[in-house]
Amino acid sequence: GLTTAYNISLQAAQANPKLNAVTDMLKEYIDAGKLGVATGEGFYK
């Protein structure tokens, strides 16, 4: 689930700012409702 991945990335980015790019990328998917298998689409359909 991308929400879980986002929360993990958000915490990790505090120690590793390079992960901000990951957090931003995941947020775009989440904002589009693409949360993973549970919603029928994430990185795949």
All heavy atoms as atom14 arrays in JSON, in Angstrom:
{
  "sequence": "GLTTAYNISLQAAQANPKLNAVTDMLKEYIDAGKLGVATGEGFYK",
  "atom14_mask": [
    [1, 1, 1, 1, 0, 0, 0, 0, 0, 0, 0, 0, 0, 0],
    [1, 1, 1, 1, 1, 1, 1, 1, 0, 0, 0, 0, 0, 0],
    [1, 1, 1, 1, 1, 1, 1, 0, 0, 0, 0, 0, 0, 0],
    [1, 1, 1, 1, 1, 1, 1, 0, 0, 0, 0, 0, 0, 0],
    [1, 1, 1, 1, 1, 0, 0, 0, 0, 0, 0, 0, 0, 0],
    [1, 1, 1, 1, 1, 1, 1, 1, 1, 1, 1, 1, 0, 0],
    [1, 1, 1, 1, 1, 1, 1, 1, 0, 0, 0, 0, 0, 0],
    [1, 1, 1, 1, 1, 1, 1, 1, 0, 0, 0, 0, 0, 0],
    [1, 1, 1, 1, 1, 1, 0, 0, 0, 0, 0, 0, 0, 0],
    [1, 1, 1, 1, 1, 1, 1, 1, 0, 0, 0, 0, 0, 0],
    [1, 1, 1, 1, 1, 1, 1, 1, 1, 0, 0, 0, 0, 0],
    [1, 1, 1, 1, 1, 0, 0, 0, 0, 0, 0, 0, 0, 0],
    [1, 1, 1, 1, 1, 0, 0, 0, 0, 0, 0, 0, 0, 0],
    [1, 1, 1, 1, 1, 1, 1, 1, 1, 0, 0, 0, 0, 0],
    [1, 1, 1, 1, 1, 0, 0, 0, 0, 0, 0, 0, 0, 0],
    [1, 1, 1, 1, 1, 1, 1, 1, 0, 0, 0, 0, 0, 0],
    [1, 1, 1, 1, 1, 1, 1, 0, 0, 0, 0, 0, 0, 0],
    [1, 1, 1, 1, 1, 1, 1, 1, 1, 0, 0, 0, 0, 0],
    [1, 1, 1, 1, 1, 1, 1, 1, 0, 0, 0, 0, 0, 0],
    [1, 1, 1, 1, 1, 1, 1, 1, 0, 0, 0, 0, 0, 0],
    [1, 1, 1, 1, 1, 0, 0, 0, 0, 0, 0, 0, 0, 0],
    [1, 1, 1, 1, 1, 1, 1, 0, 0, 0, 0, 0, 0, 0],
    [1, 1, 1, 1, 1, 1, 1, 0, 0, 0, 0, 0, 0, 0],
    [1, 1, 1, 1, 1, 1, 1, 1, 0, 0, 0, 0, 0, 0],
    [1, 1, 1, 1, 1, 1, 1, 1, 0, 0, 0, 0, 0, 0],
    [1, 1, 1, 1, 1, 1, 1, 1, 0, 0, 0, 0, 0, 0],
    [1, 1, 1, 1, 1, 1, 1, 1, 1, 0, 0, 0, 0, 0],
    [1, 1, 1, 1, 1, 1, 1, 1, 1, 0, 0, 0, 0, 0],
    [1, 1, 1, 1, 1, 1, 1, 1, 1, 1, 1, 1, 0, 0],
    [1, 1, 1, 1, 1, 1, 1, 1, 0, 0, 0, 0, 0, 0],
    [1, 1, 1, 1, 1, 1, 1, 1, 0, 0, 0, 0, 0, 0],
    [1, 1, 1, 1, 1, 0, 0, 0, 0, 0, 0, 0, 0, 0],
    [1, 1, 1, 1, 0, 0, 0, 0, 0, 0, 0, 0, 0, 0],
    [1, 1, 1, 1, 1, 1, 1, 1, 1, 0, 0, 0, 0, 0],
    [1, 1, 1, 1, 1, 1, 1, 1, 0, 0, 0, 0, 0, 0],
    [1, 1, 1, 1, 0, 0, 0, 0, 0, 0, 0, 0, 0, 0],
    [1, 1, 1, 1, 1, 1, 1, 0, 0, 0, 0, 0, 0, 0],
    [1, 1, 1, 1, 1, 0, 0, 0, 0, 0, 0, 0, 0, 0],
    [1, 1, 1, 1, 1, 1, 1, 0, 0, 0, 0, 0, 0, 0],
    [1, 1, 1, 1, 0, 0, 0, 0, 0, 0, 0, 0, 0, 0],
    [1, 1, 1, 1, 1, 1, 1, 1, 1, 0, 0, 0, 0, 0],
    [1, 1, 1, 1, 0, 0, 0, 0, 0, 0, 0, 0, 0, 0],
    [1, 1, 1, 1, 1, 1, 1, 1, 1, 1, 1, 0, 0, 0],
    [1, 1, 1, 1, 1, 1, 1, 1, 1, 1, 1, 1, 0, 0],
    [1, 1, 1, 1, 1, 1, 1, 1, 1, 0, 0, 0, 0, 0]
  ],
  "atom14_positions": [
    [[0.83, -1.2, 0.0], [0.0, 0.0, 0.0], [0.86, 1.24, 0.0], [1.8, 1.36, 0.79], [0.0, 0.0, 0.0], [0.0, 0.0, 0.0], [0.0, 0.0, 0.0], [0.0, 0.0, 0.0], [0.0, 0.0, 0.0], [0.0, 0.0, 0.0], [0.0, 0.0, 0.0], [0.0, 0.0, 0.0], [0.0, 0.0, 0.0], [0.0, 0.0, 0.0]],
    [[0.56, 2.18, -0.89], [1.4, 3.36, -1.04], [1.3, 4.32, 0.14], [2.23, 5.08, 0.4], [1.07, 4.09, -2.35], [1.84, 3.57, -3.59], [1.47, 2.13, -3.91], [1.58, 4.45, -4.8], [0.0, 0.0, 0.0], [0.0, 0.0, 0.0], [0.0, 0.0, 0.0], [0.0, 0.0, 0.0], [0.0, 0.0, 0.0], [0.0, 0.0, 0.0]],
    [[0.2, 4.27, 0.87], [0.08, 5.12, 2.05], [1.09, 4.7, 3.11], [1.76, 5.54, 3.72], [-1.34, 5.07, 2.63], [-2.27, 5.5, 1.63], [-1.47, 5.98, 3.84], [0.0, 0.0, 0.0], [0.0, 0.0, 0.0], [0.0, 0.0, 0.0], [0.0, 0.0, 0.0], [0.0, 0.0, 0.0], [0.0, 0.0, 0.0], [0.0, 0.0, 0.0]],
    [[1.23, 3.4, 3.32], [2.22, 2.9, 4.27], [3.62, 3.28, 3.81], [4.45, 3.73, 4.61], [2.11, 1.37, 4.42], [0.83, 1.05, 4.98], [3.2, 0.82, 5.33], [0.0, 0.0, 0.0], [0.0, 0.0, 0.0], [0.0, 0.0, 0.0], [0.0, 0.0, 0.0], [0.0, 0.0, 0.0], [0.0, 0.0, 0.0], [0.0, 0.0, 0.0]],
    [[3.89, 3.1, 2.52], [5.21, 3.45, 1.98], [5.49, 4.94, 2.16], [6.62, 5.34, 2.48], [5.28, 3.07, 0.5], [0.0, 0.0, 0.0], [0.0, 0.0, 0.0], [0.0, 0.0, 0.0], [0.0, 0.0, 0.0], [0.0, 0.0, 0.0], [0.0, 0.0, 0.0], [0.0, 0.0, 0.0], [0.0, 0.0, 0.0], [0.0, 0.0, 0.0]],
    [[4.46, 5.76, 1.96], [4.61, 7.21, 2.12], [4.95, 7.57, 3.57], [5.86, 8.37, 3.82], [3.33, 7.91, 1.69], [3.31, 9.4, 1.96], [3.99, 10.28, 1.11], [2.63, 9.92, 3.06], [3.99, 11.65, 1.36], [2.63, 11.28, 3.31], [3.3, 12.15, 2.45], [3.3, 13.5, 2.71], [0.0, 0.0, 0.0], [0.0, 0.0, 0.0]],
    [[4.25, 6.97, 4.52], [4.5, 7.27, 5.93], [5.91, 6.86, 6.34], [6.59, 7.57, 7.09], [3.47, 6.57, 6.81], [2.1, 7.2, 6.72], [1.98, 8.4, 6.48], [1.05, 6.42, 6.89], [0.0, 0.0, 0.0], [0.0, 0.0, 0.0], [0.0, 0.0, 0.0], [0.0, 0.0, 0.0], [0.0, 0.0, 0.0], [0.0, 0.0, 0.0]],
    [[6.36, 5.71, 5.85], [7.72, 5.26, 6.14], [8.74, 6.21, 5.53], [9.72, 6.61, 6.16], [7.94, 3.83, 5.61], [7.09, 2.84, 6.41], [9.41, 3.43, 5.68], [7.07, 1.43, 5.84], [0.0, 0.0, 0.0], [0.0, 0.0, 0.0], [0.0, 0.0, 0.0], [0.0, 0.0, 0.0], [0.0, 0.0, 0.0], [0.0, 0.0, 0.0]],
    [[8.5, 6.61, 4.28], [9.42, 7.51, 3.59], [9.46, 8.88, 4.25], [10.51, 9.51, 4.36], [8.99, 7.65, 2.12], [9.86, 8.52, 1.43], [0.0, 0.0, 0.0], [0.0, 0.0, 0.0], [0.0, 0.0, 0.0], [0.0, 0.0, 0.0], [0.0, 0.0, 0.0], [0.0, 0.0, 0.0], [0.0, 0.0, 0.0], [0.0, 0.0, 0.0]],
    [[8.31, 9.34, 4.72], [8.22, 10.65, 5.37], [9.1, 10.68, 6.62], [9.82, 11.66, 6.87], [6.77, 10.94, 5.74], [6.37, 12.39, 6.02], [6.6, 13.26, 4.8], [4.91, 12.44, 6.45], [0.0, 0.0, 0.0], [0.0, 0.0, 0.0], [0.0, 0.0, 0.0], [0.0, 0.0, 0.0], [0.0, 0.0, 0.0], [0.0, 0.0, 0.0]],
    [[9.07, 9.6, 7.39], [9.91, 9.53, 8.58], [11.38, 9.43, 8.22], [12.23, 10.1, 8.8], [9.51, 8.32, 9.43], [8.16, 8.45, 10.1], [7.83, 7.25, 10.96], [8.67, 6.39, 11.2], [6.6, 7.17, 11.41], [0.0, 0.0, 0.0], [0.0, 0.0, 0.0], [0.0, 0.0, 0.0], [0.0, 0.0, 0.0], [0.0, 0.0, 0.0]],
    [[11.69, 8.58, 7.23], [13.09, 8.37, 6.84], [13.71, 9.62, 6.24], [14.92, 9.86, 6.39], [13.19, 7.2, 5.85], [0.0, 0.0, 0.0], [0.0, 0.0, 0.0], [0.0, 0.0, 0.0], [0.0, 0.0, 0.0], [0.0, 0.0, 0.0], [0.0, 0.0, 0.0], [0.0, 0.0, 0.0], [0.0, 0.0, 0.0], [0.0, 0.0, 0.0]],
    [[12.89, 10.45, 5.58], [13.4, 11.66, 4.93], [13.92, 12.68, 5.94], [14.73, 13.55, 5.59], [12.31, 12.29, 4.07], [0.0, 0.0, 0.0], [0.0, 0.0, 0.0], [0.0, 0.0, 0.0], [0.0, 0.0, 0.0], [0.0, 0.0, 0.0], [0.0, 0.0, 0.0], [0.0, 0.0, 0.0], [0.0, 0.0, 0.0], [0.0, 0.0, 0.0]],
    [[13.48, 12.56, 7.19], [13.98, 13.48, 8.22], [15.47, 13.27, 8.45], [16.19, 14.22, 8.74], [13.2, 13.28, 9.51], [11.72, 13.63, 9.4], [10.94, 13.33, 10.68], [11.54, 13.04, 11.71], [9.63, 13.42, 10.61], [0.0, 0.0, 0.0], [0.0, 0.0, 0.0], [0.0, 0.0, 0.0], [0.0, 0.0, 0.0], [0.0, 0.0, 0.0]],
    [[15.93, 12.03, 8.31], [17.35, 11.73, 8.48], [18.09, 11.72, 7.15], [19.3, 11.93, 7.12], [17.51, 10.38, 9.17], [0.0, 0.0, 0.0], [0.0, 0.0, 0.0], [0.0, 0.0, 0.0], [0.0, 0.0, 0.0], [0.0, 0.0, 0.0], [0.0, 0.0, 0.0], [0.0, 0.0, 0.0], [0.0, 0.0, 0.0], [0.0, 0.0, 0.0]],
    [[17.36, 11.5, 6.06], [17.98, 11.42, 4.74], [17.17, 12.26, 3.75], [16.24, 11.76, 3.11], [18.04, 9.96, 4.28], [18.72, 9.81, 2.93], [19.23, 10.77, 2.35], [18.73, 8.59, 2.4], [0.0, 0.0, 0.0], [0.0, 0.0, 0.0], [0.0, 0.0, 0.0], [0.0, 0.0, 0.0], [0.0, 0.0, 0.0], [0.0, 0.0, 0.0]],
    [[17.5, 13.56, 3.61], [16.73, 14.46, 2.74], [16.63, 14.0, 1.29], [15.72, 14.44, 0.57], [17.49, 15.78, 2.85], [18.22, 15.7, 4.16], [18.58, 14.26, 4.31], [0.0, 0.0, 0.0], [0.0, 0.0, 0.0], [0.0, 0.0, 0.0], [0.0, 0.0, 0.0], [0.0, 0.0, 0.0], [0.0, 0.0, 0.0], [0.0, 0.0, 0.0]],
    [[17.51, 13.11, 0.86], [17.43, 12.6, -0.52], [16.11, 11.89, -0.77], [15.66, 11.78, -1.91], [18.6, 11.66, -0.8], [19.96, 12.35, -0.86], [21.06, 11.36, -1.21], [22.41, 12.05, -1.29], [23.51, 11.08, -1.6], [0.0, 0.0, 0.0], [0.0, 0.0, 0.0], [0.0, 0.0, 0.0], [0.0, 0.0, 0.0], [0.0, 0.0, 0.0]],
    [[15.5, 11.39, 0.32], [14.24, 10.67, 0.18], [13.05, 11.6, -0.01], [11.93, 11.14, -0.22], [14.01, 9.78, 1.4], [14.88, 8.51, 1.46], [14.76, 7.85, 2.82], [14.5, 7.54, 0.35], [0.0, 0.0, 0.0], [0.0, 0.0, 0.0], [0.0, 0.0, 0.0], [0.0, 0.0, 0.0], [0.0, 0.0, 0.0], [0.0, 0.0, 0.0]],
    [[13.27, 12.91, 0.04], [12.17, 13.84, -0.21], [11.59, 13.64, -1.61], [10.39, 13.81, -1.84], [12.63, 15.29, -0.04], [12.78, 15.67, 1.43], [12.04, 15.19, 2.27], [13.75, 16.51, 1.74], [0.0, 0.0, 0.0], [0.0, 0.0, 0.0], [0.0, 0.0, 0.0], [0.0, 0.0, 0.0], [0.0, 0.0, 0.0], [0.0, 0.0, 0.0]],
    [[12.46, 13.28, -2.55], [11.99, 13.03, -3.92], [11.05, 11.84, -3.95], [10.05, 11.82, -4.68], [13.18, 12.79, -4.85], [0.0, 0.0, 0.0], [0.0, 0.0, 0.0], [0.0, 0.0, 0.0], [0.0, 0.0, 0.0], [0.0, 0.0, 0.0], [0.0, 0.0, 0.0], [0.0, 0.0, 0.0], [0.0, 0.0, 0.0], [0.0, 0.0, 0.0]],
    [[11.34, 10.83, -3.14], [10.48, 9.65, -3.04], [9.15, 10.03, -2.42], [8.08, 9.64, -2.9], [11.18, 8.55, -2.21], [10.2, 7.42, -1.89], [12.38, 8.01, -2.96], [0.0, 0.0, 0.0], [0.0, 0.0, 0.0], [0.0, 0.0, 0.0], [0.0, 0.0, 0.0], [0.0, 0.0, 0.0], [0.0, 0.0, 0.0], [0.0, 0.0, 0.0]],
    [[9.21, 10.8, -1.34], [7.98, 11.22, -0.66], [7.08, 12.01, -1.6], [5.87, 11.79, -1.65], [8.34, 12.08, 0.57], [9.2, 11.32, 1.44], [7.09, 12.47, 1.34], [0.0, 0.0, 0.0], [0.0, 0.0, 0.0], [0.0, 0.0, 0.0], [0.0, 0.0, 0.0], [0.0, 0.0, 0.0], [0.0, 0.0, 0.0], [0.0, 0.0, 0.0]],
    [[7.67, 12.92, -2.36], [6.9, 13.73, -3.31], [6.27, 12.84, -4.39], [5.1, 13.04, -4.78], [7.79, 14.78, -3.97], [8.24, 15.85, -2.98], [7.63, 15.97, -1.91], [9.23, 16.57, -3.29], [0.0, 0.0, 0.0], [0.0, 0.0, 0.0], [0.0, 0.0, 0.0], [0.0, 0.0, 0.0], [0.0, 0.0, 0.0], [0.0, 0.0, 0.0]],
    [[7.04, 11.88, -4.87], [6.53, 10.98, -5.91], [5.36, 10.16, -5.39], [4.31, 10.03, -6.04], [7.66, 10.06, -6.38], [7.26, 9.0, -7.41], [6.74, 7.44, -6.65], [8.29, 6.86, -5.94], [0.0, 0.0, 0.0], [0.0, 0.0, 0.0], [0.0, 0.0, 0.0], [0.0, 0.0, 0.0], [0.0, 0.0, 0.0], [0.0, 0.0, 0.0]],
    [[5.5, 9.6, -4.19], [4.42, 8.8, -3.61], [3.17, 9.63, -3.35], [2.04, 9.16, -3.55], [4.9, 8.16, -2.3], [5.94, 7.05, -2.44], [6.52, 6.68, -1.08], [5.35, 5.81, -3.11], [0.0, 0.0, 0.0], [0.0, 0.0, 0.0], [0.0, 0.0, 0.0], [0.0, 0.0, 0.0], [0.0, 0.0, 0.0], [0.0, 0.0, 0.0]],
    [[3.36, 10.88, -2.94], [2.22, 11.74, -2.67], [1.41, 12.01, -3.93], [0.17, 12.1, -3.9], [2.67, 13.06, -2.05], [1.5, 13.91, -1.51], [1.99, 15.12, -0.76], [0.82, 15.86, -0.1], [-0.25, 16.24, -1.02], [0.0, 0.0, 0.0], [0.0, 0.0, 0.0], [0.0, 0.0, 0.0], [0.0, 0.0, 0.0], [0.0, 0.0, 0.0]],
    [[2.08, 12.12, -5.07], [1.37, 12.31, -6.33], [0.45, 11.13, -6.62], [-0.7, 11.31, -7.06], [2.37, 12.5, -7.48], [3.11, 13.84, -7.44], [4.05, 14.0, -8.62], [3.95, 13.18, -9.57], [4.87, 14.92, -8.59], [0.0, 0.0, 0.0], [0.0, 0.0, 0.0], [0.0, 0.0, 0.0], [0.0, 0.0, 0.0], [0.0, 0.0, 0.0]],
    [[0.94, 9.92, -6.39], [0.12, 8.73, -6.59], [-1.05, 8.7, -5.62], [-2.19, 8.41, -5.99], [0.97, 7.46, -6.43], [1.73, 7.07, -7.68], [2.94, 7.69, -7.99], [1.24, 6.1, -8.54], [3.66, 7.34, -9.13], [1.94, 5.73, -9.68], [3.14, 6.36, -9.98], [3.83, 6.01, -11.11], [0.0, 0.0, 0.0], [0.0, 0.0, 0.0]],
    [[-0.76, 9.01, -4.36], [-1.81, 8.98, -3.33], [-2.88, 10.02, -3.62], [-4.08, 9.75, -3.52], [-1.18, 9.21, -1.94], [-0.33, 7.99, -1.55], [-2.27, 9.45, -0.88], [0.52, 8.21, -0.32], [0.0, 0.0, 0.0], [0.0, 0.0, 0.0], [0.0, 0.0, 0.0], [0.0, 0.0, 0.0], [0.0, 0.0, 0.0], [0.0, 0.0, 0.0]],
    [[-2.46, 11.23, -4.01], [-3.42, 12.29, -4.32], [-4.31, 11.93, -5.5], [-5.44, 12.39, -5.61], [-2.68, 13.61, -4.61], [-2.08, 14.23, -3.36], [-2.44, 13.8, -2.25], [-1.24, 15.14, -3.49], [0.0, 0.0, 0.0], [0.0, 0.0, 0.0], [0.0, 0.0, 0.0], [0.0, 0.0, 0.0], [0.0, 0.0, 0.0], [0.0, 0.0, 0.0]],
    [[-3.78, 11.06, -6.38], [-4.55, 10.61, -7.54], [-5.41, 9.4, -7.22], [-6.09, 8.85, -8.1], [-3.6, 10.29, -8.7], [0.0, 0.0, 0.0], [0.0, 0.0, 0.0], [0.0, 0.0, 0.0], [0.0, 0.0, 0.0], [0.0, 0.0, 0.0], [0.0, 0.0, 0.0], [0.0, 0.0, 0.0], [0.0, 0.0, 0.0], [0.0, 0.0, 0.0]],
    [[-5.38, 8.96, -5.96], [-6.19, 7.81, -5.55], [-5.57, 6.47, -5.91], [-6.23, 5.43, -5.82], [0.0, 0.0, 0.0], [0.0, 0.0, 0.0], [0.0, 0.0, 0.0], [0.0, 0.0, 0.0], [0.0, 0.0, 0.0], [0.0, 0.0, 0.0], [0.0, 0.0, 0.0], [0.0, 0.0, 0.0], [0.0, 0.0, 0.0], [0.0, 0.0, 0.0]],
    [[-4.31, 6.49, -6.31], [-3.63, 5.25, -6.7], [-2.86, 4.72, -5.49], [-1.68, 4.98, -5.31], [-2.69, 5.51, -7.87], [-3.39, 6.05, -9.11], [-2.4, 6.39, -10.21], [-3.11, 6.95, -11.45], [-2.15, 7.3, -12.53], [0.0, 0.0, 0.0], [0.0, 0.0, 0.0], [0.0, 0.0, 0.0], [0.0, 0.0, 0.0], [0.0, 0.0, 0.0]],
    [[-3.55, 3.92, -4.68], [-2.99, 3.48, -3.4], [-2.44, 2.06, -3.45], [-1.92, 1.57, -2.45], [-4.05, 3.58, -2.3], [-4.75, 4.93, -2.16], [-5.69, 4.9, -0.95], [-3.75, 6.07, -2.01], [0.0, 0.0, 0.0], [0.0, 0.0, 0.0], [0.0, 0.0, 0.0], [0.0, 0.0, 0.0], [0.0, 0.0, 0.0], [0.0, 0.0, 0.0]],
    [[-2.58, 1.4, -4.58], [-2.09, 0.03, -4.67], [-3.2, -0.95, -5.01], [-4.26, -0.57, -5.51], [0.0, 0.0, 0.0], [0.0, 0.0, 0.0], [0.0, 0.0, 0.0], [0.0, 0.0, 0.0], [0.0, 0.0, 0.0], [0.0, 0.0, 0.0], [0.0, 0.0, 0.0], [0.0, 0.0, 0.0], [0.0, 0.0, 0.0], [0.0, 0.0, 0.0]],
    [[-2.97, -2.2, -4.71], [-3.92, -3.27, -5.05], [-5.3, -2.98, -4.47], [-6.33, -3.22, -5.11], [-3.4, -4.63, -4.53], [-4.45, -5.72, -4.76], [-2.09, -5.01, -5.21], [0.0, 0.0, 0.0], [0.0, 0.0, 0.0], [0.0, 0.0, 0.0], [0.0, 0.0, 0.0], [0.0, 0.0, 0.0], [0.0, 0.0, 0.0], [0.0, 0.0, 0.0]],
    [[-5.33, -2.44, -3.26], [-6.61, -2.21, -2.57], [-7.55, -1.3, -3.34], [-8.77, -1.43, -3.24], [-6.35, -1.63, -1.18], [0.0, 0.0, 0.0], [0.0, 0.0, 0.0], [0.0, 0.0, 0.0], [0.0, 0.0, 0.0], [0.0, 0.0, 0.0], [0.0, 0.0, 0.0], [0.0, 0.0, 0.0], [0.0, 0.0, 0.0], [0.0, 0.0, 0.0]],
    [[-7.01, -0.36, -4.14], [-7.86, 0.57, -4.9], [-7.9, 0.24, -6.39], [-8.49, 0.97, -7.17], [-7.38, 2.02, -4.72], [-6.01, 2.13, -5.14], [-7.5, 2.45, -3.26], [0.0, 0.0, 0.0], [0.0, 0.0, 0.0], [0.0, 0.0, 0.0], [0.0, 0.0, 0.0], [0.0, 0.0, 0.0], [0.0, 0.0, 0.0], [0.0, 0.0, 0.0]],
    [[-7.25, -0.85, -6.78], [-7.28, -1.26, -8.18], [-6.18, -0.64, -9.02], [-6.01, -1.01, -10.19], [0.0, 0.0, 0.0], [0.0, 0.0, 0.0], [0.0, 0.0, 0.0], [0.0, 0.0, 0.0], [0.0, 0.0, 0.0], [0.0, 0.0, 0.0], [0.0, 0.0, 0.0], [0.0, 0.0, 0.0], [0.0, 0.0, 0.0], [0.0, 0.0, 0.0]],
    [[-5.42, 0.27, -8.45], [-4.3, 0.87, -9.19], [-3.32, 1.48, -8.21], [-3.68, 2.1, -7.22], [-4.78, 1.94, -10.17], [-3.65, 2.5, -11.03], [-4.13, 3.45, -12.13], [-5.36, 3.66, -12.22], [-3.28, 3.96, -12.88], [0.0, 0.0, 0.0], [0.0, 0.0, 0.0], [0.0, 0.0, 0.0], [0.0, 0.0, 0.0], [0.0, 0.0, 0.0]],
    [[-2.05, 1.24, -8.5], [-0.96, 1.87, -7.79], [0.09, 2.17, -8.84], [-0.12, 2.98, -9.73], [0.0, 0.0, 0.0], [0.0, 0.0, 0.0], [0.0, 0.0, 0.0], [0.0, 0.0, 0.0], [0.0, 0.0, 0.0], [0.0, 0.0, 0.0], [0.0, 0.0, 0.0], [0.0, 0.0, 0.0], [0.0, 0.0, 0.0], [0.0, 0.0, 0.0]],
    [[1.21, 1.46, -8.76], [2.19, 1.55, -9.83], [1.75, 0.71, -11.03], [2.19, 0.93, -12.16], [3.56, 1.1, -9.33], [4.17, 2.03, -8.31], [4.22, 1.67, -6.98], [4.63, 3.27, -8.69], [4.76, 2.53, -6.04], [5.17, 4.14, -7.75], [5.23, 3.78, -6.42], [0.0, 0.0, 0.0], [0.0, 0.0, 0.0], [0.0, 0.0, 0.0]],
    [[0.87, -0.26, -10.78], [0.28, -1.09, -11.83], [-1.23, -1.02, -11.72], [-1.79, -0.58, -10.71], [0.73, -2.55, -11.67], [2.2, -2.8, -11.88], [3.09, -2.78, -10.81], [2.71, -3.05, -13.15], [4.45, -3.01, -11.0], [4.06, -3.29, -13.36], [4.93, -3.26, -12.28], [6.27, -3.49, -12.48], [0.0, 0.0, 0.0], [0.0, 0.0, 0.0]],
    [[-1.92, -1.49, -12.76], [-3.38, -1.56, -12.74], [-3.8, -3.01, -12.48], [-3.21, -3.95, -13.02], [-3.95, -1.07, -14.08], [-3.75, 0.42, -14.31], [-4.43, 0.86, -15.61], [-4.27, 2.37, -15.82], [-4.94, 2.84, -17.06], [0.0, 0.0, 0.0], [0.0, 0.0, 0.0], [0.0, 0.0, 0.0], [0.0, 0.0, 0.0], [0.0, 0.0, 0.0]]
  ]
}
